[in-house]
Amino acid sequence: MKYLKVISISVVFLLLLAQGQAYGLTIYTEVSGLGVYGSGADTILPRVPFTIEFYASFAPGDENRLSWSSPFLFYGTASVTALLDTGTLVRDSEFDDIWDMGAFADYRESWDGNLTNMAPGGDRPGDLFNYSGIDFNPPHLPSGGVMHLFDVEIPGIAGPSSYLGQFCIDSGDAVNNAYDWMFENPSPSFNEICRVVNACLCGWAYFVDCPTSVDTVHWNETYELILTTAAISNQSTYFSHLDDPTGHASFIVTDSTNDPNGQARFTFTPDCTDVGLQTFEVGVYIVFNPYPSGMECTFSVYVANDPPFMYGECGKILPVSYEYDDTLHSFHSVDPDAPDSALYYEAFCDSATGINALGDPCGCEPYSSYSIDSTGYFKYFPDSLDEGCINYFTIRVTDCCGDYSECWVGMMDIVGSCGDPNGDGLINIFDVVYIISYLYLDGPPPDPMESADINSDGAINIFDVVHLISFLYLGGLPPDCP
């Protein structure tokens, strides 16, 4: 077996008489395979494999030949221009045993796959292949009158889906005449053959329930569609076709029996990159025909995404003091489409109010610094120059599809520890509990005591508790210690 680049073949028969009279040979071909259909195999499907079988018939007494050589020309008409990839030559074992082809076997003068190129030295376009050899041990042909010579296996013929024209095989003329038909008298006969190249409907099945509406699936979910097919003719082998713009779908035949009705299963598991409207085309074929002919099923699936849900210190003004190194606030988020998927956090300073320690209007960016990490922890590092300022930040969380949620949080830079009697650097409900415990449960005193005089009236009592609760939860005035 040899692999031949392009499809042009020429098999030549150099037939010399060892003794007696030459009656000549008749060489003929048969075309078969998946890509062939019609009465007498008269039509070839484009881009579908097929095989050309070469035979020789001869009369009794014509067995004692010494030499063998002949060229075949492959060419196309109309839009038949090229053979796909490579062709494979397969010699019949009996033929191979009888003829010692020697150094000149598979002698090629043109074999580039372009059926419109002119063969070197030739007068017709196409691909030319010479097959030559000598044997000195007659008889060289088996008795019986017919011999299978070899096959040429062709991956397919290039071209559009409409009618292409014809693919033809004829006897050729070798440039090097030493290996032409001239070596035998009379020459073997070969009648030119041509086969129509055209797509057909004979190999299609159609869908009885192709969807017309658009279904919605969230990314990270699996969408499944079962389609029922009806075949044009009863056959047991189905071939499936899928045009998938995402690369995340599959389409297989789940039932293919001699009953013309079968099922095919389409599955699609989208990821973040597939959000939006996606259109697919599927087909089921009985004899593989790669060209759409209106029997495919085309449908769309909308891939949806929900933005992440965020919660935490959203919508609050949080007092902070430069006397502490930093404050840490946690913002938590969940992606409803994929709870385990990664999220991306960002923090932006939007605006500021108040007058800072330098007597200037507060603004963004503040003298204080801030950051937020990949888990949603927001760090704010106060600076004494921002005392008297409230800086407002947007906290944003984005999912892998680009959708996001956001909220705001305010950082109020206070002087010293006012409103923070438990001394943890934050003003929150724990400071309310701390004052109540001190007032009514013999808890430890505030440190310093002035930090619990929230309303600056010179006393620490229930009114300071009310003032702090109003600030934290009701939008009341901030702490104002003496």
Protein backbone atom coordinates (compact mmCIF):
# COMPACT_ATOMS: atom_id res chain seq x y z
CA MET A 1 0.00 0.00 0.00
CA LYS A 2 1.31 3.44 -0.82
CA TYR A 3 -0.06 6.84 -0.03
CA LEU A 4 -0.43 9.02 -3.07
CA LYS A 5 -0.60 12.82 -2.88
CA VAL A 6 -3.59 14.02 -4.91
CA ILE A 7 -5.86 11.92 -6.90
CA SER A 8 -4.72 11.18 -10.34
CA ILE A 9 -3.86 7.75 -11.21
CA SER A 10 -2.49 6.07 -14.20
CA VAL A 11 -2.01 2.48 -14.51
CA VAL A 12 -0.31 1.48 -17.64
CA PHE A 13 0.00 -1.81 -19.18
CA LEU A 14 3.12 -2.52 -21.10
CA LEU A 15 2.34 -5.82 -22.55
CA LEU A 16 4.91 -7.66 -24.57
CA LEU A 17 4.29 -11.02 -26.03
CA ALA A 18 6.61 -13.73 -24.84
CA GLN A 19 5.36 -15.87 -27.67
CA GLY A 20 2.35 -16.12 -29.86
CA GLN A 21 -0.08 -13.35 -30.73
CA ALA A 22 -1.21 -10.54 -28.41
CA TYR A 23 -4.94 -10.32 -28.09
CA GLY A 24 -4.81 -7.17 -25.93
CA LEU A 25 -6.45 -6.41 -22.63
CA THR A 26 -9.50 -4.43 -21.70
CA ILE A 27 -9.18 -2.43 -18.53
CA TYR A 28 -12.31 -1.30 -16.76
CA THR A 29 -13.25 0.28 -13.42
CA GLU A 30 -15.96 0.05 -10.80
CA VAL A 31 -16.71 2.81 -8.31
CA SER A 32 -18.00 1.90 -4.86
CA GLY A 33 -18.13 3.04 -1.24
CA LEU A 34 -20.00 5.31 1.10
CA GLY A 35 -19.76 8.30 -1.22
CA VAL A 36 -21.38 6.56 -4.20
CA TYR A 37 -25.08 6.33 -4.91
CA GLY A 38 -27.53 5.92 -7.77
CA SER A 39 -28.18 3.25 -10.34
CA GLY A 40 -24.88 1.76 -11.48
CA ALA A 41 -22.98 3.92 -8.98
CA ASP A 42 -23.29 6.87 -11.35
CA THR A 43 -23.10 9.67 -8.74
CA ILE A 44 -20.44 10.59 -6.16
CA LEU A 45 -21.13 12.64 -3.04
CA PRO A 46 -18.71 15.55 -2.51
CA ARG A 47 -16.28 15.23 0.43
CA VAL A 48 -17.26 11.61 1.09
CA PRO A 49 -14.85 8.64 0.71
CA PHE A 50 -15.16 6.27 -2.23
CA THR A 51 -13.06 3.63 -3.97
CA ILE A 52 -12.13 3.10 -7.62
CA GLU A 53 -11.53 -0.59 -8.42
CA PHE A 54 -9.41 -1.44 -11.48
CA TYR A 55 -9.81 -4.72 -13.38
CA ALA A 56 -8.33 -6.26 -16.55
CA SER A 57 -10.08 -8.71 -18.82
CA PHE A 58 -8.22 -10.67 -21.48
CA ALA A 59 -8.69 -13.47 -23.93
CA PRO A 60 -7.24 -16.98 -23.51
CA GLY A 61 -3.71 -17.21 -24.79
CA ASP A 62 -2.89 -13.68 -23.72
CA GLU A 63 -1.40 -14.66 -20.37
CA ASN A 64 2.29 -14.62 -21.28
CA ARG A 65 3.13 -10.97 -21.00
CA LEU A 66 6.47 -9.71 -19.73
CA SER A 67 5.94 -5.99 -19.12
CA TRP A 68 3.28 -3.81 -17.65
CA SER A 69 2.86 -0.05 -17.92
CA SER A 70 0.02 2.42 -18.42
CA PRO A 71 -1.01 5.92 -17.33
CA PHE A 72 -4.43 6.98 -16.12
CA LEU A 73 -5.53 10.59 -16.10
CA PHE A 74 -7.90 11.86 -13.41
CA TYR A 75 -9.62 15.14 -14.22
CA GLY A 76 -12.73 17.13 -13.43
CA THR A 77 -15.33 19.04 -15.35
CA ALA A 78 -17.31 22.13 -14.31
CA SER A 79 -16.64 22.82 -10.60
CA VAL A 80 -14.86 19.55 -9.85
CA THR A 81 -11.41 20.98 -9.15
CA ALA A 82 -9.59 19.01 -6.48
CA LEU A 83 -9.24 15.80 -4.55
CA LEU A 84 -9.19 16.07 -0.78
CA ASP A 85 -5.90 15.38 0.96
CA THR A 86 -4.30 12.11 -0.21
CA GLY A 87 -5.33 8.95 -2.00
CA THR A 88 -4.24 5.44 -1.12
CA LEU A 89 -3.23 2.78 -3.66
CA VAL A 90 -3.97 -0.83 -2.67
CA ARG A 91 -2.64 -3.58 -4.98
CA ASP A 92 -4.41 -6.88 -5.23
CA SER A 93 -2.29 -9.60 -3.67
CA GLU A 94 -2.50 -11.89 -6.74
CA PHE A 95 -1.50 -9.07 -9.05
CA ASP A 96 1.31 -8.07 -6.71
CA ASP A 97 2.63 -11.64 -6.55
CA ILE A 98 2.78 -12.07 -10.33
CA TRP A 99 4.30 -8.75 -11.32
CA ASP A 100 7.61 -7.60 -9.95
CA MET A 101 7.11 -3.86 -10.41
CA GLY A 102 10.66 -3.04 -9.44
CA ALA A 103 12.00 0.51 -9.37
CA PHE A 104 9.34 1.87 -11.69
CA ALA A 105 6.28 0.91 -9.72
CA ASP A 106 3.98 3.84 -8.88
CA TYR A 107 5.74 6.08 -11.38
CA ARG A 108 4.02 9.46 -11.02
CA GLU A 109 4.33 12.44 -13.32
CA SER A 110 1.54 14.57 -11.85
CA TRP A 111 -0.12 13.93 -8.54
CA ASP A 112 -0.92 17.18 -6.75
CA GLY A 113 -4.65 16.91 -6.16
CA ASN A 114 -5.49 19.76 -8.52
CA LEU A 115 -7.68 18.34 -11.26
CA THR A 116 -7.44 21.51 -13.34
CA ASN A 117 -3.62 21.66 -13.60
CA MET A 118 -2.01 20.65 -16.85
CA ALA A 119 0.04 17.47 -16.47
CA PRO A 120 3.74 18.10 -17.28
CA GLY A 121 4.17 17.64 -21.01
CA GLY A 122 0.53 16.73 -21.40
CA ASP A 123 -2.21 18.30 -23.45
CA ARG A 124 -5.03 17.89 -20.90
CA PRO A 125 -5.41 19.09 -17.31
CA GLY A 126 -5.57 16.59 -14.49
CA ASP A 127 -3.47 14.22 -12.38
CA LEU A 128 -1.39 11.51 -14.03
CA PHE A 129 -0.03 8.35 -12.41
CA ASN A 130 2.02 5.65 -14.12
CA TYR A 131 2.16 2.11 -12.79
CA SER A 132 5.00 0.09 -14.37
CA GLY A 133 7.00 -3.12 -14.01
CA ILE A 134 8.60 -6.19 -15.56
CA ASP A 135 8.49 -9.87 -14.74
CA PHE A 136 10.54 -12.65 -16.38
CA ASN A 137 8.66 -15.67 -15.15
CA PRO A 138 5.68 -16.30 -17.44
CA PRO A 139 2.82 -16.81 -17.47
CA HIS A 140 2.07 -13.38 -16.06
CA LEU A 141 -1.71 -13.33 -16.08
CA PRO A 142 -3.96 -15.86 -14.41
CA SER A 143 -6.27 -17.98 -16.48
CA GLY A 144 -9.94 -17.16 -16.27
CA GLY A 145 -10.04 -13.95 -18.23
CA VAL A 146 -10.41 -11.35 -15.40
CA MET A 147 -7.93 -10.04 -12.88
CA HIS A 148 -8.38 -7.55 -10.07
CA LEU A 149 -5.45 -5.16 -10.37
CA PHE A 150 -5.66 -2.63 -7.56
CA ASP A 151 -7.91 -0.07 -5.84
CA VAL A 152 -7.53 3.64 -5.32
CA GLU A 153 -9.15 4.79 -2.09
CA ILE A 154 -10.13 8.47 -2.34
CA PRO A 155 -10.96 10.54 0.77
CA GLY A 156 -13.31 12.80 -1.17
CA ILE A 157 -13.78 15.44 -3.83
CA ALA A 158 -13.77 19.13 -2.90
CA GLY A 159 -16.57 21.42 -3.95
CA PRO A 160 -19.78 23.25 -2.94
CA SER A 161 -23.09 21.63 -2.10
CA SER A 162 -24.71 22.25 -5.43
CA TYR A 163 -24.12 20.24 -8.60
CA LEU A 164 -20.37 20.15 -9.26
CA GLY A 165 -19.96 18.48 -12.61
CA GLN A 166 -18.15 15.23 -13.28
CA PHE A 167 -15.12 13.33 -12.08
CA CYS A 168 -13.51 11.43 -14.97
CA ILE A 169 -10.83 8.81 -15.58
CA ASP A 170 -9.23 8.33 -18.99
CA SER A 171 -6.07 6.86 -20.44
CA GLY A 172 -3.21 9.34 -20.31
CA ASP A 173 0.02 10.13 -22.10
CA ALA A 174 3.21 9.75 -20.09
CA VAL A 175 5.95 12.32 -20.67
CA ASN A 176 8.59 9.61 -20.45
CA ASN A 177 7.55 7.40 -23.37
CA ALA A 178 9.59 4.50 -22.03
CA TYR A 179 6.71 3.90 -19.66
CA ASP A 180 3.79 4.61 -21.95
CA TRP A 181 1.24 2.37 -23.67
CA MET A 182 3.58 2.18 -26.65
CA PHE A 183 5.31 -0.93 -25.27
CA GLU A 184 2.50 -3.20 -26.23
CA ASN A 185 1.01 -3.81 -29.58
CA PRO A 186 -1.91 -3.83 -29.66
CA SER A 187 -2.35 -1.43 -26.69
CA PRO A 188 -4.78 -2.26 -23.91
CA SER A 189 -8.14 -0.63 -24.36
CA PHE A 190 -9.80 1.60 -21.80
CA ASN A 191 -13.01 3.52 -22.24
CA GLU A 192 -13.18 6.87 -20.47
CA ILE A 193 -15.60 6.91 -17.55
CA CYS A 194 -17.21 9.91 -15.86
CA ARG A 195 -19.26 10.07 -12.67
CA VAL A 196 -21.53 12.94 -11.67
CA VAL A 197 -20.42 14.71 -8.47
CA ASN A 198 -23.42 16.05 -6.58
CA ALA A 199 -25.00 16.13 -3.13
CA CYS A 200 -28.25 14.22 -2.73
CA LEU A 201 -31.20 13.86 -0.42
CA CYS A 202 -30.98 10.09 -0.40
CA GLY A 203 -28.86 10.07 2.73
CA TRP A 204 -30.85 12.36 5.03
CA ALA A 205 -33.23 11.89 7.87
CA TYR A 206 -35.55 14.67 8.96
CA PHE A 207 -36.77 15.80 12.37
CA VAL A 208 -40.42 15.54 13.33
CA ASP A 209 -40.12 17.72 16.44
CA CYS A 210 -37.49 20.40 15.80
CA PRO A 211 -38.19 23.16 18.39
CA THR A 212 -39.34 26.58 17.20
CA SER A 213 -39.22 28.39 20.56
CA VAL A 214 -36.12 29.53 22.43
CA ASP A 215 -35.40 27.74 25.70
CA THR A 216 -33.45 29.38 28.54
CA VAL A 217 -30.71 27.73 30.55
CA HIS A 218 -28.41 29.26 33.15
CA TRP A 219 -24.74 28.77 32.56
CA ASN A 220 -23.29 25.90 34.57
CA GLU A 221 -26.54 23.97 34.02
CA THR A 222 -27.01 21.18 31.46
CA TYR A 223 -29.62 21.60 28.76
CA GLU A 224 -30.88 18.45 27.06
CA LEU A 225 -33.04 18.08 23.96
CA ILE A 226 -34.33 14.77 22.62
CA LEU A 227 -35.22 14.89 18.93
CA THR A 228 -37.20 12.28 17.02
CA THR A 229 -36.05 11.52 13.49
CA ALA A 230 -37.81 9.95 10.54
CA ALA A 231 -35.66 8.43 7.83
CA ILE A 232 -36.21 8.70 4.10
CA SER A 233 -35.28 5.04 3.76
CA ASN A 234 -34.74 2.22 6.22
CA GLN A 235 -31.09 1.85 7.16
CA SER A 236 -29.38 0.84 10.34
CA THR A 237 -26.43 3.22 10.33
CA TYR A 238 -26.90 6.89 11.23
CA PHE A 239 -24.33 9.67 11.06
CA SER A 240 -24.78 12.86 13.06
CA HIS A 241 -23.86 16.45 12.28
CA LEU A 242 -23.45 19.27 14.81
CA ASP A 243 -22.66 22.93 14.18
CA ASP A 244 -21.75 24.24 17.65
CA PRO A 245 -20.41 27.83 18.01
CA THR A 246 -19.58 27.30 21.70
CA GLY A 247 -17.66 24.03 21.73
CA HIS A 248 -19.65 22.90 24.78
CA ALA A 249 -22.41 20.86 23.14
CA SER A 250 -22.70 17.28 21.96
CA PHE A 251 -25.09 15.46 19.65
CA ILE A 252 -25.38 11.70 19.36
CA VAL A 253 -27.81 9.20 17.93
CA THR A 254 -29.33 7.25 20.79
CA ASP A 255 -31.42 4.84 18.74
CA SER A 256 -30.75 3.69 15.18
CA THR A 257 -32.55 0.53 14.18
CA ASN A 258 -34.12 -0.66 10.96
CA ASP A 259 -37.22 1.12 12.11
CA PRO A 260 -36.96 4.43 10.21
CA ASN A 261 -37.83 6.36 13.37
CA GLY A 262 -35.03 6.99 15.84
CA GLN A 263 -33.91 9.41 18.53
CA ALA A 264 -30.99 11.78 18.83
CA ARG A 265 -29.84 13.50 22.04
CA PHE A 266 -28.47 17.05 22.15
CA THR A 267 -26.77 18.24 25.36
CA PHE A 268 -25.29 21.63 26.14
CA THR A 269 -23.48 22.67 29.34
CA PRO A 270 -22.54 26.34 28.87
CA ASP A 271 -19.90 28.24 30.78
CA CYS A 272 -19.46 31.98 31.41
CA THR A 273 -18.32 32.67 27.86
CA ASP A 274 -21.59 31.37 26.42
CA VAL A 275 -23.98 33.87 28.06
CA GLY A 276 -26.44 35.18 25.47
CA LEU A 277 -28.28 33.68 22.51
CA GLN A 278 -26.59 30.60 21.01
CA THR A 279 -27.76 28.95 17.79
CA PHE A 280 -27.08 25.32 16.90
CA GLU A 281 -27.60 23.19 13.81
CA VAL A 282 -27.93 19.42 14.00
CA GLY A 283 -28.55 16.78 11.39
CA VAL A 284 -28.92 13.03 11.20
CA TYR A 285 -27.88 11.25 8.03
CA ILE A 286 -28.38 7.76 6.76
CA VAL A 287 -25.63 7.93 4.18
CA PHE A 288 -23.22 10.61 5.22
CA ASN A 289 -23.89 13.74 3.20
CA PRO A 290 -22.05 16.75 4.67
CA TYR A 291 -23.99 19.41 2.79
CA PRO A 292 -27.14 20.87 4.38
CA SER A 293 -30.19 20.32 2.24
CA GLY A 294 -32.95 21.79 4.39
CA MET A 295 -33.51 18.77 6.60
CA GLU A 296 -31.35 19.91 9.48
CA CYS A 297 -32.79 21.19 12.74
CA THR A 298 -31.72 24.73 13.64
CA PHE A 299 -32.68 26.05 17.08
CA SER A 300 -31.51 28.57 19.67
CA VAL A 301 -30.83 28.39 23.40
CA TYR A 302 -30.57 31.51 25.57
CA VAL A 303 -27.87 31.24 28.22
CA ALA A 304 -28.82 33.37 31.23
CA ASN A 305 -26.77 34.71 34.13
CA ASP A 306 -27.82 36.27 37.45
CA PRO A 307 -25.51 38.84 39.08
CA PRO A 308 -23.96 37.89 42.42
CA PHE A 309 -25.80 38.76 45.61
CA MET A 310 -23.79 40.85 48.10
CA TYR A 311 -24.39 41.52 51.78
CA GLY A 312 -22.36 42.92 54.67
CA GLU A 313 -21.83 46.49 55.94
CA CYS A 314 -23.80 47.91 53.02
CA GLY A 315 -25.51 51.28 53.45
CA LYS A 316 -23.81 52.17 56.74
CA ILE A 317 -21.54 54.93 57.99
CA LEU A 318 -18.84 53.31 60.13
CA PRO A 319 -16.86 55.52 62.56
CA VAL A 320 -13.09 54.89 62.58
CA SER A 321 -10.22 56.48 64.48
CA TYR A 322 -6.58 56.99 63.48
CA GLU A 323 -5.57 55.83 66.95
CA TYR A 324 -6.09 52.27 65.70
CA ASP A 325 -4.04 50.64 62.95
CA ASP A 326 -6.93 49.74 60.70
CA THR A 327 -10.53 48.59 60.56
CA LEU A 328 -11.64 45.43 58.80
CA HIS A 329 -15.08 45.04 57.27
CA SER A 330 -16.33 41.92 55.53
CA PHE A 331 -18.53 41.91 52.43
CA HIS A 332 -19.90 38.51 51.49
CA SER A 333 -21.26 37.48 48.09
CA VAL A 334 -22.86 34.46 46.48
CA ASP A 335 -23.15 33.70 42.78
CA PRO A 336 -26.61 32.14 42.36
CA ASP A 337 -25.57 30.46 39.10
CA ALA A 338 -22.48 28.77 40.51
CA PRO A 339 -21.98 29.08 44.28
CA ASP A 340 -18.42 27.77 44.08
CA SER A 341 -17.27 30.06 41.26
CA ALA A 342 -14.71 32.80 41.86
CA LEU A 343 -15.81 36.42 42.34
CA TYR A 344 -13.84 39.64 41.89
CA TYR A 345 -14.09 42.55 44.36
CA GLU A 346 -13.31 46.22 43.80
CA ALA A 347 -13.56 49.34 46.01
CA PHE A 348 -13.92 52.92 44.74
CA CYS A 349 -13.93 56.18 46.73
CA ASP A 350 -16.89 58.13 45.34
CA SER A 351 -17.18 61.28 47.44
CA ALA A 352 -16.47 62.85 50.83
CA THR A 353 -18.14 65.37 53.15
CA GLY A 354 -16.87 67.51 56.05
CA ILE A 355 -13.77 69.57 56.87
CA ASN A 356 -10.54 67.74 57.60
CA ALA A 357 -7.90 68.46 60.25
CA LEU A 358 -6.19 70.94 57.91
CA GLY A 359 -9.37 72.99 57.60
CA ASP A 360 -9.87 71.91 53.97
CA PRO A 361 -12.97 70.34 52.45
CA CYS A 362 -12.74 66.55 52.55
CA GLY A 363 -12.41 64.81 49.19
CA CYS A 364 -11.44 61.65 47.39
CA GLU A 365 -8.87 60.33 47.53
CA PRO A 366 -8.55 60.61 51.33
CA TYR A 367 -5.28 60.79 53.23
CA SER A 368 -6.32 57.47 54.71
CA SER A 369 -5.66 54.35 52.61
CA TYR A 370 -7.89 51.39 51.82
CA SER A 371 -7.94 48.05 50.03
CA ILE A 372 -10.19 45.06 49.40
CA ASP A 373 -9.05 41.49 48.83
CA SER A 374 -10.43 38.62 46.75
CA THR A 375 -12.59 37.36 49.62
CA GLY A 376 -14.40 40.68 50.18
CA TYR A 377 -12.45 41.96 53.20
CA PHE A 378 -12.33 45.75 53.05
CA LYS A 379 -9.50 47.39 54.98
CA TYR A 380 -9.47 51.09 55.85
CA PHE A 381 -6.36 52.64 57.38
CA PRO A 382 -7.35 55.96 59.06
CA ASP A 383 -5.14 59.04 59.02
CA SER A 384 -5.41 61.91 61.53
CA LEU A 385 -5.67 64.40 58.67
CA ASP A 386 -9.07 62.90 57.73
CA GLU A 387 -10.62 63.61 61.16
CA GLY A 388 -13.96 65.24 60.59
CA CYS A 389 -14.44 63.59 57.17
CA ILE A 390 -16.88 60.97 55.99
CA ASN A 391 -15.56 59.13 52.92
CA TYR A 392 -18.08 57.19 50.83
CA PHE A 393 -17.00 54.05 48.99
CA THR A 394 -18.62 51.79 46.40
CA ILE A 395 -17.95 48.10 46.96
CA ARG A 396 -18.46 46.08 43.77
CA VAL A 397 -18.41 42.32 43.23
CA THR A 398 -18.26 40.88 39.68
CA ASP A 399 -18.88 37.31 38.51
CA CYS A 400 -17.08 35.48 35.72
CA CYS A 401 -19.70 36.59 33.19
CA GLY A 402 -19.06 40.28 33.87
CA ASP A 403 -22.30 40.98 35.76
CA TYR A 404 -21.90 42.73 39.09
CA SER A 405 -23.64 43.99 42.23
CA GLU A 406 -22.54 46.90 44.41
CA CYS A 407 -23.37 48.88 47.53
CA TRP A 408 -21.96 51.85 49.41
CA VAL A 409 -20.31 52.22 52.80
CA GLY A 410 -19.15 55.37 54.60
CA MET A 411 -16.02 55.74 56.74
CA MET A 412 -16.32 58.54 59.32
CA ASP A 413 -12.94 59.60 60.75
CA ILE A 414 -13.50 60.61 64.37
CA VAL A 415 -11.22 62.21 66.93
CA GLY A 416 -9.85 59.78 69.49
CA SER A 417 -12.14 57.06 70.79
CA CYS A 418 -15.47 58.90 71.01
CA GLY A 419 -18.26 56.34 70.70
CA ASP A 420 -15.84 53.42 71.10
CA PRO A 421 -15.88 52.72 74.86
CA ASN A 422 -14.77 49.08 74.43
CA GLY A 423 -11.64 50.28 72.57
CA ASP A 424 -11.77 47.87 69.61
CA GLY A 425 -11.43 50.62 67.00
CA LEU A 426 -15.03 50.29 65.78
CA ILE A 427 -18.29 51.94 66.75
CA ASN A 428 -21.03 49.34 66.64
CA ILE A 429 -23.63 47.48 68.72
CA PHE A 430 -20.90 46.09 70.98
CA ASP A 431 -20.24 49.64 72.26
CA VAL A 432 -23.95 49.99 73.07
CA VAL A 433 -23.80 46.74 75.05
CA TYR A 434 -20.59 47.91 76.74
CA ILE A 435 -22.21 51.13 78.05
CA ILE A 436 -25.35 49.28 79.24
CA SER A 437 -23.19 46.70 81.01
CA TYR A 438 -21.24 49.50 82.71
CA LEU A 439 -24.38 51.38 83.75
CA TYR A 440 -26.53 48.49 84.91
CA LEU A 441 -24.51 45.27 85.25
CA ASP A 442 -21.34 46.44 87.03
CA GLY A 443 -19.35 46.03 83.85
CA PRO A 444 -15.90 47.61 83.37
CA PRO A 445 -15.82 51.40 82.90
CA PRO A 446 -15.22 53.01 79.50
CA ASP A 447 -11.59 53.83 78.69
CA PRO A 448 -11.37 56.75 78.56
CA MET A 449 -14.58 57.69 80.33
CA GLU A 450 -15.26 60.50 77.82
CA SER A 451 -15.64 57.94 75.03
CA ALA A 452 -19.04 56.97 76.50
CA ASP A 453 -20.36 60.54 76.85
CA ILE A 454 -21.87 60.31 73.40
CA ASN A 455 -24.05 63.43 73.63
CA SER A 456 -21.38 65.50 75.42
CA ASP A 457 -23.64 66.53 78.32
CA GLY A 458 -21.05 65.74 80.99
CA ALA A 459 -22.76 62.54 82.17
CA ILE A 460 -22.84 58.91 81.05
CA ASN A 461 -26.40 57.60 81.14
CA ILE A 462 -29.20 56.06 79.10
CA PHE A 463 -29.33 59.13 76.85
CA ASP A 464 -25.86 58.27 75.56
CA VAL A 465 -27.11 54.78 74.75
CA VAL A 466 -30.10 56.22 72.85
CA HIS A 467 -27.83 58.67 71.00
CA LEU A 468 -25.49 55.88 69.88
CA ILE A 469 -28.35 53.59 68.78
CA SER A 470 -29.91 56.47 66.83
CA PHE A 471 -26.60 57.07 65.06
CA LEU A 472 -25.98 53.43 64.24
CA TYR A 473 -29.45 52.45 63.02
CA LEU A 474 -31.69 55.50 62.56
CA GLY A 475 -29.50 57.98 60.75
CA GLY A 476 -29.03 60.11 63.85
CA LEU A 477 -26.14 62.49 64.65
CA PRO A 478 -22.66 61.02 65.09
CA PRO A 479 -21.07 60.75 68.56
CA ASP A 480 -19.88 64.12 69.97
CA CYS A 481 -17.74 63.51 73.04
CA PRO A 482 -16.32 66.37 75.21
